[in-house]
Amino acid sequence: MVEDPRRRLGARGEEIAARHLEQRGYKIVDRNFRTRYGELDLVAAGDGCLVFCEVKTRVERSRSSPLGPLASVGPRKRRQVRLMAREWLGARRSRLARGLPELRFDAIGVTLDRGGELVALEHLDGAF
């Protein structure tokens, strides 16, 4: 079975995004949580916040391209991430029973070169 290059690209971007969050003091609580709405990329905790993070990864096509990876996080994707977060919270309710922390939705855009090396990372706290 041949691995899908898009999955490999996405997994690379999610790993870079997870390391970025950890370097900022967050603990990764969950990765790739499957729901009926899709897959929740990363859930992290830190600073009294539970962060649901959408990660978009792209390969650099040209230096002059004005649209980065975060251009694809539009209203439809934001709604989808909120629905996935609701399912995640429902599945974890007993662990969170002591008090729900503040919730935040972040977006991280990862741009890689053709060799898979990091070119740029853009992190929007409270993106939506």
N, C-alpha and C. Protein backbone atom coordinates (compact mmCIF):
# COMPACT_ATOMS: atom_id res chain seq x y z
N MET A 1 0.84 -1.18 0.00
CA MET A 1 0.00 0.00 0.00
C MET A 1 0.89 1.25 0.00
N VAL A 2 0.62 2.16 -0.92
CA VAL A 2 1.40 3.37 -1.07
C VAL A 2 0.80 4.47 -0.19
N GLU A 3 1.68 5.16 0.55
CA GLU A 3 1.21 6.23 1.43
C GLU A 3 0.86 7.47 0.59
N ASP A 4 -0.24 8.09 0.94
CA ASP A 4 -0.71 9.30 0.27
C ASP A 4 0.25 10.45 0.59
N PRO A 5 0.81 11.11 -0.43
CA PRO A 5 1.74 12.23 -0.18
C PRO A 5 1.09 13.37 0.61
N ARG A 6 -0.24 13.58 0.44
CA ARG A 6 -0.91 14.65 1.20
C ARG A 6 -0.95 14.32 2.68
N ARG A 7 -1.15 13.04 3.00
CA ARG A 7 -1.15 12.63 4.42
C ARG A 7 0.23 12.82 5.03
N ARG A 8 1.26 12.46 4.27
CA ARG A 8 2.63 12.61 4.75
C ARG A 8 2.95 14.09 4.97
N LEU A 9 2.51 14.95 4.04
CA LEU A 9 2.72 16.40 4.16
C LEU A 9 1.99 16.93 5.39
N GLY A 10 0.73 16.53 5.56
CA GLY A 10 -0.07 16.97 6.70
C GLY A 10 0.54 16.52 8.02
N ALA A 11 1.00 15.27 8.07
CA ALA A 11 1.61 14.74 9.30
C ALA A 11 2.89 15.52 9.63
N ARG A 12 3.66 15.87 8.62
CA ARG A 12 4.90 16.65 8.85
C ARG A 12 4.54 18.03 9.43
N GLY A 13 3.55 18.68 8.85
CA GLY A 13 3.13 19.99 9.33
C GLY A 13 2.58 19.93 10.74
N GLU A 14 1.80 18.90 11.05
CA GLU A 14 1.25 18.75 12.40
C GLU A 14 2.34 18.50 13.42
N GLU A 15 3.37 17.76 13.04
CA GLU A 15 4.48 17.52 13.97
C GLU A 15 5.22 18.83 14.26
N ILE A 16 5.45 19.63 13.23
CA ILE A 16 6.11 20.93 13.41
C ILE A 16 5.24 21.84 14.28
N ALA A 17 3.94 21.85 14.02
CA ALA A 17 3.01 22.68 14.81
C ALA A 17 2.98 22.24 16.27
N ALA A 18 2.98 20.93 16.51
CA ALA A 18 2.97 20.41 17.88
C ALA A 18 4.24 20.83 18.62
N ARG A 19 5.39 20.71 17.97
CA ARG A 19 6.65 21.14 18.59
C ARG A 19 6.62 22.63 18.90
N HIS A 20 6.06 23.41 17.99
CA HIS A 20 5.94 24.86 18.20
C HIS A 20 5.11 25.15 19.45
N LEU A 21 3.97 24.48 19.58
CA LEU A 21 3.12 24.68 20.76
C LEU A 21 3.84 24.26 22.04
N GLU A 22 4.52 23.13 21.99
CA GLU A 22 5.26 22.65 23.17
C GLU A 22 6.35 23.64 23.56
N GLN A 23 7.02 24.22 22.59
CA GLN A 23 8.07 25.22 22.88
C GLN A 23 7.48 26.48 23.51
N ARG A 24 6.21 26.72 23.27
CA ARG A 24 5.52 27.86 23.88
C ARG A 24 4.91 27.49 25.23
N GLY A 25 5.15 26.27 25.70
CA GLY A 25 4.69 25.87 27.03
C GLY A 25 3.38 25.10 27.06
N TYR A 26 2.85 24.74 25.91
CA TYR A 26 1.61 23.98 25.87
C TYR A 26 1.90 22.48 25.91
N LYS A 27 0.95 21.74 26.45
CA LYS A 27 1.03 20.28 26.46
C LYS A 27 0.04 19.76 25.41
N ILE A 28 0.51 18.89 24.54
CA ILE A 28 -0.38 18.31 23.54
C ILE A 28 -1.23 17.25 24.23
N VAL A 29 -2.54 17.45 24.19
CA VAL A 29 -3.49 16.59 24.88
C VAL A 29 -4.02 15.50 23.94
N ASP A 30 -4.16 15.84 22.66
CA ASP A 30 -4.69 14.87 21.70
C ASP A 30 -4.26 15.28 20.29
N ARG A 31 -4.18 14.27 19.42
CA ARG A 31 -3.84 14.50 18.01
C ARG A 31 -4.77 13.67 17.15
N ASN A 32 -5.14 14.22 16.02
CA ASN A 32 -5.90 13.50 15.00
C ASN A 32 -7.13 12.78 15.55
N PHE A 33 -7.93 13.49 16.32
CA PHE A 33 -9.16 12.94 16.88
C PHE A 33 -10.21 12.88 15.78
N ARG A 34 -10.66 11.66 15.47
CA ARG A 34 -11.64 11.45 14.41
C ARG A 34 -13.06 11.69 14.90
N THR A 35 -13.81 12.45 14.13
CA THR A 35 -15.23 12.70 14.42
C THR A 35 -16.01 12.47 13.13
N ARG A 36 -17.32 12.55 13.24
CA ARG A 36 -18.14 12.42 12.03
C ARG A 36 -17.97 13.62 11.10
N TYR A 37 -17.40 14.71 11.61
CA TYR A 37 -17.20 15.92 10.82
C TYR A 37 -15.81 16.00 10.19
N GLY A 38 -14.92 15.13 10.61
CA GLY A 38 -13.56 15.16 10.12
C GLY A 38 -12.59 14.88 11.25
N GLU A 39 -11.36 15.30 11.05
CA GLU A 39 -10.30 15.02 12.02
C GLU A 39 -9.82 16.32 12.65
N LEU A 40 -9.84 16.34 13.97
CA LEU A 40 -9.33 17.47 14.74
C LEU A 40 -7.82 17.31 14.84
N ASP A 41 -7.07 18.28 14.32
CA ASP A 41 -5.62 18.12 14.20
C ASP A 41 -4.92 18.02 15.56
N LEU A 42 -5.00 19.09 16.36
CA LEU A 42 -4.30 19.12 17.64
C LEU A 42 -5.18 19.73 18.71
N VAL A 43 -5.08 19.18 19.92
CA VAL A 43 -5.69 19.78 21.09
C VAL A 43 -4.55 19.96 22.09
N ALA A 44 -4.39 21.18 22.59
CA ALA A 44 -3.31 21.49 23.51
C ALA A 44 -3.87 22.20 24.73
N ALA A 45 -3.12 22.13 25.83
CA ALA A 45 -3.52 22.79 27.06
C ALA A 45 -2.36 23.62 27.59
N GLY A 46 -2.69 24.80 28.11
CA GLY A 46 -1.68 25.66 28.70
C GLY A 46 -2.27 27.03 28.99
N ASP A 47 -1.68 27.73 29.95
CA ASP A 47 -2.14 29.07 30.34
C ASP A 47 -3.63 29.08 30.69
N GLY A 48 -4.11 28.00 31.32
CA GLY A 48 -5.52 27.92 31.69
C GLY A 48 -6.47 27.81 30.52
N CYS A 49 -5.93 27.43 29.37
CA CYS A 49 -6.70 27.38 28.13
C CYS A 49 -6.64 25.99 27.51
N LEU A 50 -7.72 25.61 26.89
CA LEU A 50 -7.75 24.40 26.07
C LEU A 50 -7.82 24.90 24.63
N VAL A 51 -6.84 24.54 23.83
CA VAL A 51 -6.70 25.08 22.48
C VAL A 51 -6.98 24.00 21.45
N PHE A 52 -7.95 24.27 20.59
CA PHE A 52 -8.22 23.41 19.44
C PHE A 52 -7.52 24.05 18.26
N CYS A 53 -6.61 23.32 17.66
CA CYS A 53 -5.74 23.92 16.66
C CYS A 53 -5.90 23.24 15.30
N GLU A 54 -6.23 24.04 14.31
CA GLU A 54 -6.30 23.60 12.92
C GLU A 54 -4.94 23.89 12.29
N VAL A 55 -4.35 22.87 11.67
CA VAL A 55 -3.03 23.01 11.06
C VAL A 55 -3.18 22.86 9.55
N LYS A 56 -2.66 23.82 8.81
CA LYS A 56 -2.66 23.76 7.35
C LYS A 56 -1.22 23.79 6.88
N THR A 57 -0.87 22.84 6.04
CA THR A 57 0.51 22.71 5.56
C THR A 57 0.52 22.81 4.05
N ARG A 58 1.45 23.57 3.54
CA ARG A 58 1.61 23.72 2.09
C ARG A 58 3.09 23.64 1.75
N VAL A 59 3.35 23.23 0.51
CA VAL A 59 4.70 23.25 -0.03
C VAL A 59 4.85 24.57 -0.77
N GLU A 60 5.95 25.22 -0.52
CA GLU A 60 6.22 26.52 -1.15
C GLU A 60 6.28 26.34 -2.66
N ARG A 61 5.42 27.07 -3.35
CA ARG A 61 5.38 27.01 -4.82
C ARG A 61 6.26 28.09 -5.43
N SER A 62 6.09 29.30 -4.93
CA SER A 62 6.91 30.41 -5.40
C SER A 62 6.95 31.47 -4.32
N ARG A 63 8.00 32.20 -4.26
CA ARG A 63 8.15 33.21 -3.21
C ARG A 63 7.13 34.34 -3.37
N SER A 64 6.58 34.53 -4.57
CA SER A 64 5.68 35.65 -4.80
C SER A 64 4.21 35.34 -4.51
N SER A 65 3.90 34.12 -4.12
CA SER A 65 2.51 33.76 -3.85
C SER A 65 1.98 34.49 -2.62
N PRO A 66 0.90 35.28 -2.78
CA PRO A 66 0.38 36.07 -1.66
C PRO A 66 -0.45 35.24 -0.66
N LEU A 67 -0.95 34.09 -1.09
CA LEU A 67 -1.82 33.29 -0.23
C LEU A 67 -1.03 32.18 0.45
N GLY A 68 -1.02 32.21 1.75
CA GLY A 68 -0.35 31.17 2.52
C GLY A 68 -1.31 30.07 2.89
N PRO A 69 -0.88 29.13 3.70
CA PRO A 69 -1.70 28.00 4.08
C PRO A 69 -2.98 28.38 4.82
N LEU A 70 -2.96 29.49 5.56
CA LEU A 70 -4.13 29.86 6.37
C LEU A 70 -5.28 30.43 5.54
N ALA A 71 -5.04 30.69 4.26
CA ALA A 71 -6.11 31.20 3.40
C ALA A 71 -7.25 30.19 3.27
N SER A 72 -6.97 28.91 3.52
CA SER A 72 -8.01 27.88 3.38
C SER A 72 -8.83 27.67 4.66
N VAL A 73 -8.56 28.46 5.70
CA VAL A 73 -9.35 28.35 6.93
C VAL A 73 -10.46 29.41 6.88
N GLY A 74 -11.45 29.11 6.06
CA GLY A 74 -12.57 30.02 5.88
C GLY A 74 -13.72 29.68 6.80
N PRO A 75 -14.88 30.30 6.58
CA PRO A 75 -16.05 30.09 7.46
C PRO A 75 -16.47 28.62 7.57
N ARG A 76 -16.43 27.92 6.47
CA ARG A 76 -16.84 26.50 6.49
C ARG A 76 -15.91 25.66 7.37
N LYS A 77 -14.60 25.86 7.21
CA LYS A 77 -13.62 25.11 8.01
C LYS A 77 -13.73 25.49 9.48
N ARG A 78 -13.93 26.77 9.77
CA ARG A 78 -14.07 27.20 11.17
C ARG A 78 -15.27 26.53 11.83
N ARG A 79 -16.38 26.46 11.12
CA ARG A 79 -17.58 25.80 11.65
C ARG A 79 -17.29 24.31 11.89
N GLN A 80 -16.62 23.68 10.94
CA GLN A 80 -16.28 22.26 11.06
C GLN A 80 -15.40 22.02 12.29
N VAL A 81 -14.42 22.86 12.52
CA VAL A 81 -13.53 22.69 13.68
C VAL A 81 -14.32 22.86 14.98
N ARG A 82 -15.23 23.81 15.02
CA ARG A 82 -16.06 23.99 16.22
C ARG A 82 -16.91 22.74 16.50
N LEU A 83 -17.48 22.17 15.45
CA LEU A 83 -18.27 20.94 15.62
C LEU A 83 -17.41 19.78 16.10
N MET A 84 -16.20 19.67 15.56
CA MET A 84 -15.29 18.60 16.00
C MET A 84 -14.88 18.81 17.45
N ALA A 85 -14.65 20.07 17.84
CA ALA A 85 -14.29 20.38 19.23
C ALA A 85 -15.42 19.99 20.17
N ARG A 86 -16.64 20.25 19.75
CA ARG A 86 -17.80 19.88 20.58
C ARG A 86 -17.84 18.37 20.80
N GLU A 87 -17.57 17.60 19.76
CA GLU A 87 -17.53 16.13 19.91
C GLU A 87 -16.38 15.72 20.83
N TRP A 88 -15.24 16.36 20.69
CA TRP A 88 -14.09 16.03 21.54
C TRP A 88 -14.44 16.30 23.00
N LEU A 89 -15.05 17.45 23.26
CA LEU A 89 -15.42 17.80 24.63
C LEU A 89 -16.45 16.81 25.18
N GLY A 90 -17.40 16.40 24.36
CA GLY A 90 -18.40 15.42 24.80
C GLY A 90 -17.77 14.09 25.16
N ALA A 91 -16.77 13.68 24.40
CA ALA A 91 -16.09 12.41 24.67
C ALA A 91 -15.19 12.49 25.90
N ARG A 92 -14.77 13.69 26.28
CA ARG A 92 -13.83 13.88 27.39
C ARG A 92 -14.49 14.52 28.62
N ARG A 93 -15.80 14.62 28.62
CA ARG A 93 -16.52 15.35 29.67
C ARG A 93 -16.12 14.91 31.09
N SER A 94 -15.99 13.62 31.33
CA SER A 94 -15.68 13.16 32.69
C SER A 94 -14.31 13.64 33.16
N ARG A 95 -13.35 13.71 32.24
CA ARG A 95 -12.01 14.19 32.60
C ARG A 95 -12.00 15.69 32.85
N LEU A 96 -12.94 16.40 32.27
CA LEU A 96 -12.98 17.86 32.39
C LEU A 96 -14.01 18.32 33.42
N ALA A 97 -14.56 17.39 34.18
CA ALA A 97 -15.68 17.70 35.07
C ALA A 97 -15.31 18.71 36.16
N ARG A 98 -14.05 18.84 36.50
CA ARG A 98 -13.64 19.76 37.58
C ARG A 98 -13.76 21.22 37.19
N GLY A 99 -14.10 21.49 36.02
CA GLY A 99 -14.21 22.88 35.58
C GLY A 99 -13.65 23.02 34.19
N LEU A 100 -14.44 23.52 33.33
CA LEU A 100 -14.02 23.67 31.95
C LEU A 100 -13.09 24.88 31.83
N PRO A 101 -11.90 24.67 31.29
CA PRO A 101 -11.00 25.81 31.09
C PRO A 101 -11.52 26.69 29.96
N GLU A 102 -10.90 27.83 29.79
CA GLU A 102 -11.23 28.69 28.66
C GLU A 102 -10.91 27.93 27.38
N LEU A 103 -11.77 28.07 26.38
CA LEU A 103 -11.55 27.41 25.09
C LEU A 103 -11.05 28.43 24.09
N ARG A 104 -10.15 27.98 23.22
CA ARG A 104 -9.62 28.86 22.19
C ARG A 104 -9.42 28.06 20.91
N PHE A 105 -9.62 28.73 19.79
CA PHE A 105 -9.43 28.10 18.49
C PHE A 105 -8.29 28.81 17.78
N ASP A 106 -7.20 28.09 17.56
CA ASP A 106 -6.03 28.64 16.89
C ASP A 106 -5.90 28.02 15.50
N ALA A 107 -5.12 28.67 14.67
CA ALA A 107 -4.77 28.13 13.36
C ALA A 107 -3.27 28.30 13.19
N ILE A 108 -2.65 27.25 12.70
CA ILE A 108 -1.21 27.30 12.42
C ILE A 108 -1.00 26.94 10.96
N GLY A 109 -0.34 27.83 10.25
CA GLY A 109 0.02 27.59 8.85
C GLY A 109 1.49 27.24 8.77
N VAL A 110 1.78 26.12 8.12
CA VAL A 110 3.16 25.65 7.98
C VAL A 110 3.49 25.63 6.48
N THR A 111 4.57 26.28 6.12
CA THR A 111 5.04 26.26 4.74
C THR A 111 6.37 25.53 4.72
N LEU A 112 6.46 24.52 3.86
CA LEU A 112 7.66 23.71 3.72
C LEU A 112 8.27 23.91 2.34
N ASP A 113 9.58 23.69 2.23
CA ASP A 113 10.18 23.69 0.91
C ASP A 113 9.95 22.31 0.28
N ARG A 114 10.37 22.14 -0.92
CA ARG A 114 10.13 20.86 -1.62
C ARG A 114 10.83 19.68 -0.96
N GLY A 115 11.83 19.94 -0.15
CA GLY A 115 12.53 18.88 0.58
C GLY A 115 11.92 18.57 1.93
N GLY A 116 10.85 19.28 2.29
CA GLY A 116 10.17 19.02 3.55
C GLY A 116 10.69 19.82 4.73
N GLU A 117 11.56 20.79 4.46
CA GLU A 117 12.10 21.63 5.52
C GLU A 117 11.23 22.86 5.73
N LEU A 118 11.16 23.31 6.96
CA LEU A 118 10.33 24.45 7.33
C LEU A 118 10.85 25.74 6.69
N VAL A 119 9.93 26.45 6.02
CA VAL A 119 10.22 27.75 5.44
C VAL A 119 9.60 28.84 6.32
N ALA A 120 8.33 28.61 6.73
CA ALA A 120 7.63 29.60 7.54
C ALA A 120 6.56 28.92 8.38
N LEU A 121 6.30 29.52 9.55
CA LEU A 121 5.23 29.06 10.43
C LEU A 121 4.48 30.30 10.90
N GLU A 122 3.17 30.29 10.71
CA GLU A 122 2.33 31.40 11.15
C GLU A 122 1.32 30.84 12.12
N HIS A 123 1.29 31.40 13.34
CA HIS A 123 0.39 30.93 14.40
C HIS A 123 -0.54 32.06 14.76
N LEU A 124 -1.83 31.83 14.56
CA LEU A 124 -2.84 32.82 14.93
C LEU A 124 -3.55 32.35 16.19
N ASP A 125 -3.22 32.97 17.32
CA ASP A 125 -3.92 32.70 18.59
C ASP A 125 -5.35 33.23 18.46
N GLY A 126 -6.31 32.44 18.88
CA GLY A 126 -7.70 32.89 18.83
C GLY A 126 -8.12 33.28 17.43
N ALA A 127 -7.77 32.45 16.47
CA ALA A 127 -8.02 32.76 15.06
C ALA A 127 -9.50 32.85 14.73
N PHE A 128 -10.32 32.09 15.47
CA PHE A 128 -11.77 32.13 15.24
C PHE A 128 -12.50 31.66 16.45
